[in-house]
Amino acid sequence: MRLRSAFTAALGAALLIAVTPASASAATGQFRFDYVTVEAYEATGFLNSPPSGQCINLPGVGEDNPQPGHSPKNRTDAWATVFSDADCTGDSFTLRPRTGGASERLKVRSVVFN
């Protein structure tokens, strides 16, 4: 009888673990980029602890702003791949964790963290 109870308990625990969703992973830290607003003001955009594995279109440099962002700085603990176009398309460049950065010449509109 004890064997049957132990087996049932183990099976129940295994099923509970299997159906419990995994926690969403996120890059810890901050990703920064500069851009010029539609009104022609210099601005800095931030992503704080962004989700990993998802394409993120950068705020402020979307379809309503013809100028892309520039000078990205990766201060997260994950690798960041920036893209020249929205939806993680176009030319790409990878920034290392914590200290990765690029000059004003690198134009960006989207990013994904790995």
C-alpha atoms as a PDB file:
ATOM      1  CA  MET A   1       0.000   0.000   0.000  1.00  0.00           C
ATOM      2  CA  ARG A   2       2.781   2.434   0.837  1.00  0.00           C
ATOM      3  CA  LEU A   3       4.364   1.894  -2.580  1.00  0.00           C
ATOM      4  CA  ARG A   4       1.094   2.790  -4.304  1.00  0.00           C
ATOM      5  CA  SER A   5       0.746   5.977  -2.195  1.00  0.00           C
ATOM      6  CA  ALA A   6       4.336   7.004  -2.884  1.00  0.00           C
ATOM      7  CA  PHE A   7       3.875   6.391  -6.597  1.00  0.00           C
ATOM      8  CA  THR A   8       0.647   8.428  -6.647  1.00  0.00           C
ATOM      9  CA  ALA A   9       2.315  11.306  -4.788  1.00  0.00           C
ATOM     10  CA  ALA A  10       5.308  11.272  -7.140  1.00  0.00           C
ATOM     11  CA  LEU A  11       3.038  11.191 -10.193  1.00  0.00           C
ATOM     12  CA  GLY A  12       0.994  14.097  -8.833  1.00  0.00           C
ATOM     13  CA  ALA A  13       4.136  16.152  -8.176  1.00  0.00           C
ATOM     14  CA  ALA A  14       5.454  15.438 -11.678  1.00  0.00           C
ATOM     15  CA  LEU A  15       2.170  16.531 -13.246  1.00  0.00           C
ATOM     16  CA  LEU A  16       2.136  19.713 -11.168  1.00  0.00           C
ATOM     17  CA  ILE A  17       5.660  20.611 -12.282  1.00  0.00           C
ATOM     18  CA  ALA A  18       4.807  19.853 -15.909  1.00  0.00           C
ATOM     19  CA  VAL A  19       1.787  22.178 -16.012  1.00  0.00           C
ATOM     20  CA  THR A  20       3.284  25.055 -14.002  1.00  0.00           C
ATOM     21  CA  PRO A  21       4.384  27.755 -16.446  1.00  0.00           C
ATOM     22  CA  ALA A  22       8.024  28.755 -16.381  1.00  0.00           C
ATOM     23  CA  SER A  23       8.761  32.245 -15.215  1.00  0.00           C
ATOM     24  CA  ALA A  24       9.406  34.748 -17.975  1.00  0.00           C
ATOM     25  CA  SER A  25      13.058  35.515 -18.344  1.00  0.00           C
ATOM     26  CA  ALA A  26      14.194  39.083 -18.626  1.00  0.00           C
ATOM     27  CA  ALA A  27      17.446  40.889 -19.084  1.00  0.00           C
ATOM     28  CA  THR A  28      18.305  42.672 -15.851  1.00  0.00           C
ATOM     29  CA  GLY A  29      19.482  46.235 -16.239  1.00  0.00           C
ATOM     30  CA  GLN A  30      18.875  49.074 -18.656  1.00  0.00           C
ATOM     31  CA  PHE A  31      19.154  49.514 -22.415  1.00  0.00           C
ATOM     32  CA  ARG A  32      19.526  53.137 -23.577  1.00  0.00           C
ATOM     33  CA  PHE A  33      19.455  54.866 -26.951  1.00  0.00           C
ATOM     34  CA  ASP A  34      19.350  58.440 -28.179  1.00  0.00           C
ATOM     35  CA  TYR A  35      17.024  59.875 -30.797  1.00  0.00           C
ATOM     36  CA  VAL A  36      15.625  63.104 -32.182  1.00  0.00           C
ATOM     37  CA  THR A  37      11.911  63.600 -31.571  1.00  0.00           C
ATOM     38  CA  VAL A  38       9.446  64.568 -34.273  1.00  0.00           C
ATOM     39  CA  GLU A  39       9.590  68.088 -32.784  1.00  0.00           C
ATOM     40  CA  ALA A  40      13.416  68.060 -33.309  1.00  0.00           C
ATOM     41  CA  TYR A  41      14.392  67.696 -29.621  1.00  0.00           C
ATOM     42  CA  GLU A  42      17.234  65.433 -28.478  1.00  0.00           C
ATOM     43  CA  ALA A  43      15.916  62.635 -26.283  1.00  0.00           C
ATOM     44  CA  THR A  44      17.066  59.430 -24.613  1.00  0.00           C
ATOM     45  CA  GLY A  45      14.963  56.290 -24.568  1.00  0.00           C
ATOM     46  CA  PHE A  46      15.168  53.541 -21.952  1.00  0.00           C
ATOM     47  CA  LEU A  47      14.154  49.916 -21.637  1.00  0.00           C
ATOM     48  CA  ASN A  48      14.353  48.721 -18.029  1.00  0.00           C
ATOM     49  CA  SER A  49      14.811  44.956 -17.527  1.00  0.00           C
ATOM     50  CA  PRO A  50      13.414  44.109 -20.992  1.00  0.00           C
ATOM     51  CA  PRO A  51      12.055  40.633 -21.783  1.00  0.00           C
ATOM     52  CA  SER A  52      14.442  38.153 -23.373  1.00  0.00           C
ATOM     53  CA  GLY A  53      13.804  36.481 -26.710  1.00  0.00           C
ATOM     54  CA  GLN A  54      11.216  39.023 -27.896  1.00  0.00           C
ATOM     55  CA  CYS A  55      11.639  41.614 -30.599  1.00  0.00           C
ATOM     56  CA  ILE A  56      11.070  45.078 -29.128  1.00  0.00           C
ATOM     57  CA  ASN A  57      10.374  48.072 -31.364  1.00  0.00           C
ATOM     58  CA  LEU A  58      12.061  51.008 -29.659  1.00  0.00           C
ATOM     59  CA  PRO A  59       9.727  53.726 -28.378  1.00  0.00           C
ATOM     60  CA  GLY A  60      10.060  57.136 -30.014  1.00  0.00           C
ATOM     61  CA  VAL A  61      11.536  55.895 -33.282  1.00  0.00           C
ATOM     62  CA  GLY A  62       8.530  54.158 -34.765  1.00  0.00           C
ATOM     63  CA  GLU A  63       6.535  54.848 -37.915  1.00  0.00           C
ATOM     64  CA  ASP A  64       5.639  58.374 -36.762  1.00  0.00           C
ATOM     65  CA  ASN A  65       9.323  59.367 -36.556  1.00  0.00           C
ATOM     66  CA  PRO A  66      11.296  59.211 -39.815  1.00  0.00           C
ATOM     67  CA  GLN A  67      14.627  59.337 -37.936  1.00  0.00           C
ATOM     68  CA  PRO A  68      15.904  56.154 -36.266  1.00  0.00           C
ATOM     69  CA  GLY A  69      17.513  55.993 -32.855  1.00  0.00           C
ATOM     70  CA  HIS A  70      21.293  55.964 -32.470  1.00  0.00           C
ATOM     71  CA  SER A  71      24.107  55.456 -29.941  1.00  0.00           C
ATOM     72  CA  PRO A  72      22.672  52.354 -28.218  1.00  0.00           C
ATOM     73  CA  LYS A  73      24.132  51.339 -24.849  1.00  0.00           C
ATOM     74  CA  ASN A  74      23.509  47.893 -23.425  1.00  0.00           C
ATOM     75  CA  ARG A  75      23.700  47.978 -19.626  1.00  0.00           C
ATOM     76  CA  THR A  76      21.758  44.736 -19.178  1.00  0.00           C
ATOM     77  CA  ASP A  77      23.179  41.338 -18.266  1.00  0.00           C
ATOM     78  CA  ALA A  78      22.170  39.858 -21.668  1.00  0.00           C
ATOM     79  CA  TRP A  79      23.486  40.152 -25.219  1.00  0.00           C
ATOM     80  CA  ALA A  80      21.476  42.688 -27.242  1.00  0.00           C
ATOM     81  CA  THR A  81      21.103  42.531 -31.008  1.00  0.00           C
ATOM     82  CA  VAL A  82      19.956  45.850 -32.464  1.00  0.00           C
ATOM     83  CA  PHE A  83      18.358  46.209 -35.889  1.00  0.00           C
ATOM     84  CA  SER A  84      18.191  49.094 -38.340  1.00  0.00           C
ATOM     85  CA  ASP A  85      14.482  48.531 -39.024  1.00  0.00           C
ATOM     86  CA  ALA A  86      11.367  47.784 -36.966  1.00  0.00           C
ATOM     87  CA  ASP A  87      10.313  44.213 -36.163  1.00  0.00           C
ATOM     88  CA  CYS A  88      13.967  43.097 -35.909  1.00  0.00           C
ATOM     89  CA  THR A  89      14.622  43.356 -39.629  1.00  0.00           C
ATOM     90  CA  GLY A  90      17.337  45.052 -41.630  1.00  0.00           C
ATOM     91  CA  ASP A  91      20.997  45.269 -40.695  1.00  0.00           C
ATOM     92  CA  SER A  92      21.914  44.018 -37.233  1.00  0.00           C
ATOM     93  CA  PHE A  93      24.688  44.567 -34.717  1.00  0.00           C
ATOM     94  CA  THR A  94      25.311  42.742 -31.431  1.00  0.00           C
ATOM     95  CA  LEU A  95      26.147  44.569 -28.193  1.00  0.00           C
ATOM     96  CA  ARG A  96      27.791  42.668 -25.343  1.00  0.00           C
ATOM     97  CA  PRO A  97      26.273  42.647 -21.849  1.00  0.00           C
ATOM     98  CA  ARG A  98      26.887  45.470 -19.354  1.00  0.00           C
ATOM     99  CA  THR A  99      29.392  47.522 -21.369  1.00  0.00           C
ATOM    100  CA  GLY A 100      28.233  47.211 -24.989  1.00  0.00           C
ATOM    101  CA  GLY A 101      27.735  50.451 -26.812  1.00  0.00           C
ATOM    102  CA  ALA A 102      27.983  52.022 -30.234  1.00  0.00           C
ATOM    103  CA  SER A 103      28.426  55.462 -31.705  1.00  0.00           C
ATOM    104  CA  GLU A 104      25.952  57.828 -33.281  1.00  0.00           C
ATOM    105  CA  ARG A 105      26.622  56.162 -36.641  1.00  0.00           C
ATOM    106  CA  LEU A 106      24.724  53.004 -35.606  1.00  0.00           C
ATOM    107  CA  LYS A 107      21.051  53.591 -36.420  1.00  0.00           C
ATOM    108  CA  VAL A 108      18.473  51.462 -34.560  1.00  0.00           C
ATOM    109  CA  ARG A 109      14.732  50.867 -34.505  1.00  0.00           C
ATOM    110  CA  SER A 110      14.386  47.505 -32.726  1.00  0.00           C
ATOM    111  CA  VAL A 111      16.250  45.154 -30.395  1.00  0.00           C
ATOM    112  CA  VAL A 112      16.140  41.587 -29.075  1.00  0.00           C
ATOM    113  CA  PHE A 113      17.889  40.327 -25.930  1.00  0.00           C
ATOM    114  CA  ASN A 114      19.381  36.832 -25.752  1.00  0.00           C
END
